[in-house]
Amino acid sequence: MIQKRIVFFAVIFALLGAFYYFYEITWTGKKKEALDKSKKLFKFKAEDVEGLRIKKSKITLILKKEQEDWFIIEPVRAKGNKADIESIINALVSEHWIRELMLEEGRLADFGLAQPAILIAMKGKNLGRERTIQLGSKSPTGSFLYVRIDQEPRILMVHSWLKNIVNKYSDELSKK
C-alpha cells in the first residue's frame, strides 16, 4: 500500500514538474522574448546606420560612416572615435521603452519635447527613411526620460541614462 502511494505522488510530482517547465520556462520565456522585441525603440540593427546627426541647443554634430571608419563632418571635419560613436548607436538601437503615453494635442512642452534637449537623426541602409528620436525631459522621479520617435503620436519612457550616453560633444567623439 505504501509503495502505491509513493508511485502515485512521484507521478503527480513529475506532472507538476513538467507543467512548470513547459509553462513557466519555455512558453513564458518565448512570450517575454516577443514582448522585448516589440518594445524596442527601433527595429533595425546598429550596423545599418551609416549617418548620424545629433542636435543639442546650438550645436549640431554630423557623423558619417565611410567604409569601416566614422568621421565627424560638422562642426569640424575629423576622424571619429569608432567605439564611442558605435556605443551611441548601439544604445539607441537596443534600448527598450518602459511605458507608452498617448500624446494629447498641445502637450509636448509637458514632456520637454516642444524644444527637445537632444534631437538625433539616423540614416542608412535598411532604414527606409531618416529615423529621428527626440529626447525630452526626465520624469518626475528622474529615473526615466520622455522620448518621441519619428513624430509619432505617442511618447515613450526610457531609462534616463540614455541621455548621458548620447550627450557627447565633438571633442569627445573625435579620435585622439
Protein backbone atom coordinates (compact mmCIF):
# COMPACT_ATOMS: atom_id res chain seq x y z
CA MET A 1 0.00 0.00 0.00
CA ILE A 2 2.80 2.49 0.84
CA GLN A 3 4.54 1.69 -2.47
CA LYS A 4 1.39 2.60 -4.41
CA ARG A 5 1.24 5.96 -2.59
CA ILE A 6 4.89 6.65 -3.34
CA VAL A 7 4.39 5.87 -7.03
CA PHE A 8 1.21 7.98 -7.12
CA PHE A 9 2.95 11.01 -5.57
CA ALA A 10 6.00 10.52 -7.80
CA VAL A 11 3.76 10.64 -10.88
CA ILE A 12 1.96 13.75 -9.56
CA PHE A 13 5.32 15.40 -8.79
CA ALA A 14 6.63 14.55 -12.30
CA LEU A 15 3.49 16.00 -13.90
CA LEU A 16 3.79 19.20 -11.86
CA GLY A 17 7.47 19.46 -12.78
CA ALA A 18 6.69 19.01 -16.48
CA PHE A 19 3.90 21.62 -16.29
CA TYR A 20 6.24 24.08 -14.58
CA TYR A 21 8.98 23.52 -17.16
CA PHE A 22 6.75 23.91 -20.21
CA TYR A 23 4.60 26.74 -18.91
CA GLU A 24 6.98 28.87 -16.85
CA ILE A 25 10.27 28.29 -18.61
CA THR A 26 9.52 27.51 -22.24
CA TRP A 27 6.24 29.26 -23.03
CA THR A 28 6.68 32.29 -20.77
CA GLY A 29 10.27 32.74 -21.96
CA LYS A 30 9.15 32.89 -25.59
CA LYS A 31 6.36 35.29 -24.69
CA LYS A 32 8.78 37.57 -22.83
CA GLU A 33 11.23 37.50 -25.74
CA ALA A 34 8.48 38.50 -28.18
CA LEU A 35 7.41 41.31 -25.84
CA ASP A 36 11.00 42.56 -25.57
CA LYS A 37 11.29 42.69 -29.37
CA SER A 38 8.07 44.66 -29.66
CA LYS A 39 9.24 47.22 -27.06
CA LYS A 40 12.48 48.15 -28.83
CA LEU A 41 12.74 51.79 -29.91
CA PHE A 42 13.92 50.81 -33.40
CA LYS A 43 13.57 47.55 -35.32
CA PHE A 44 16.80 47.85 -37.35
CA LYS A 45 20.35 46.80 -36.48
CA ALA A 46 23.16 49.10 -35.40
CA GLU A 47 25.24 48.02 -38.43
CA ASP A 48 22.59 49.52 -40.74
CA VAL A 49 23.25 53.07 -39.53
CA GLU A 50 25.61 54.99 -41.83
CA GLY A 51 24.95 58.55 -40.76
CA LEU A 52 24.06 60.31 -37.54
CA ARG A 53 23.05 63.89 -36.76
CA ILE A 54 22.93 64.96 -33.12
CA LYS A 55 21.45 68.40 -32.46
CA LYS A 56 21.80 69.92 -28.99
CA SER A 57 20.74 73.50 -28.27
CA LYS A 58 23.15 75.46 -30.53
CA ILE A 59 25.48 72.62 -31.54
CA THR A 60 24.89 70.15 -34.36
CA LEU A 61 27.17 67.15 -34.87
CA ILE A 62 27.07 65.31 -38.17
CA LEU A 63 28.74 61.91 -38.21
CA LYS A 64 29.21 59.74 -41.29
CA LYS A 65 30.49 56.23 -41.76
CA GLU A 66 32.95 55.75 -44.63
CA GLN A 67 33.94 52.11 -45.14
CA GLU A 68 34.63 50.95 -41.57
CA ASP A 69 35.58 54.32 -40.05
CA TRP A 70 33.44 57.11 -38.64
CA PHE A 71 34.11 60.76 -39.42
CA ILE A 72 32.82 63.94 -37.84
CA ILE A 73 31.64 66.11 -40.74
CA GLU A 74 30.39 69.09 -38.70
CA PRO A 75 31.27 71.30 -36.84
CA VAL A 76 34.89 70.37 -37.77
CA ARG A 77 35.92 67.52 -40.05
CA ALA A 78 37.88 64.92 -38.08
CA LYS A 79 38.19 61.18 -37.73
CA GLY A 80 35.73 59.92 -35.14
CA ASN A 81 36.28 57.52 -32.29
CA LYS A 82 34.59 54.39 -33.63
CA ALA A 83 33.95 52.84 -30.22
CA ASP A 84 32.25 55.93 -28.78
CA ILE A 85 30.11 56.56 -31.85
CA GLU A 86 29.03 52.94 -32.11
CA SER A 87 28.20 52.89 -28.39
CA ILE A 88 25.74 55.74 -29.01
CA ILE A 89 24.15 53.89 -31.92
CA ASN A 90 24.00 50.60 -30.01
CA ALA A 91 22.37 52.32 -27.05
CA LEU A 92 19.69 53.85 -29.29
CA VAL A 93 19.00 50.68 -31.26
CA SER A 94 18.99 48.27 -28.32
CA GLU A 95 17.02 50.40 -25.83
CA HIS A 96 13.55 49.22 -24.83
CA TRP A 97 10.77 51.54 -23.81
CA ILE A 98 9.27 51.12 -20.37
CA ARG A 99 5.94 52.85 -20.74
CA GLU A 100 3.88 54.34 -23.55
CA LEU A 101 1.83 57.54 -23.24
CA MET A 102 -0.56 58.84 -25.85
CA LEU A 103 0.17 62.42 -26.86
CA GLU A 104 -2.62 64.90 -26.35
CA GLU A 105 -2.84 67.96 -28.59
CA GLY A 106 -0.51 70.75 -27.47
CA ARG A 107 1.07 68.84 -24.57
CA LEU A 108 4.59 68.41 -25.98
CA ALA A 109 6.01 71.03 -23.61
CA ASP A 110 4.87 69.00 -20.58
CA PHE A 111 7.33 66.30 -21.60
CA GLY A 112 10.14 68.61 -22.69
CA LEU A 113 9.53 67.76 -26.34
CA ALA A 114 8.34 71.13 -27.70
CA GLN A 115 12.01 72.13 -27.79
CA PRO A 116 13.76 68.77 -27.27
CA ALA A 117 17.05 68.80 -25.39
CA ILE A 118 18.58 66.47 -27.99
CA LEU A 119 17.36 65.56 -31.47
CA ILE A 120 19.01 62.60 -33.18
CA ALA A 121 18.52 61.62 -36.81
CA MET A 122 19.86 58.37 -38.28
CA LYS A 123 20.31 57.43 -41.93
CA GLY A 124 21.46 54.24 -43.54
CA LYS A 125 20.70 51.08 -45.42
CA ASN A 126 17.58 49.14 -44.43
CA LEU A 127 16.21 52.16 -42.56
CA GLY A 128 13.97 53.21 -45.42
CA ARG A 129 13.85 56.85 -44.43
CA GLU A 130 15.65 59.05 -41.95
CA ARG A 131 14.68 57.96 -38.43
CA THR A 132 14.55 60.53 -35.64
CA ILE A 133 14.36 60.42 -31.89
CA GLN A 134 13.68 63.43 -29.69
CA LEU A 135 14.92 63.32 -26.10
CA GLY A 136 12.82 65.42 -23.77
CA SER A 137 12.87 65.97 -20.03
CA LYS A 138 13.21 63.44 -17.24
CA SER A 139 10.17 62.02 -15.47
CA PRO A 140 9.30 63.43 -12.04
CA THR A 141 11.25 60.62 -10.35
CA GLY A 142 14.32 61.29 -12.53
CA SER A 143 14.67 57.61 -13.43
CA PHE A 144 13.09 57.85 -16.85
CA LEU A 145 13.27 60.10 -19.88
CA TYR A 146 10.48 61.08 -22.27
CA VAL A 147 11.26 60.38 -25.94
CA ARG A 148 9.38 60.65 -29.22
CA ILE A 149 10.18 58.64 -32.33
CA ASP A 150 9.59 59.98 -35.86
CA GLN A 151 6.83 62.46 -34.92
CA GLU A 152 4.60 59.58 -33.74
CA PRO A 153 1.50 60.48 -31.72
CA ARG A 154 2.89 58.68 -28.67
CA ILE A 155 5.54 59.40 -26.09
CA LEU A 156 7.74 56.66 -24.73
CA MET A 157 9.55 56.47 -21.42
CA VAL A 158 13.08 55.04 -21.45
CA HIS A 159 15.86 54.84 -18.89
CA SER A 160 17.39 58.26 -18.23
CA TRP A 161 20.96 57.02 -18.74
CA LEU A 162 20.28 57.07 -22.49
CA LYS A 163 20.63 60.87 -22.43
CA ASN A 164 24.05 60.61 -20.76
CA ILE A 165 25.29 58.26 -23.48
CA VAL A 166 24.23 60.44 -26.43
CA ASN A 167 25.10 63.78 -24.81
CA LYS A 168 28.68 63.91 -26.10
CA TYR A 169 30.48 66.71 -27.88
CA SER A 170 32.72 66.62 -30.95
CA ASP A 171 35.93 66.64 -28.95
CA GLU A 172 34.76 63.56 -27.03
CA LEU A 173 33.84 61.73 -30.24
CA SER A 174 36.97 62.59 -32.20
CA LYS A 175 39.88 60.17 -32.47
CA LYS A 176 42.61 61.13 -30.05
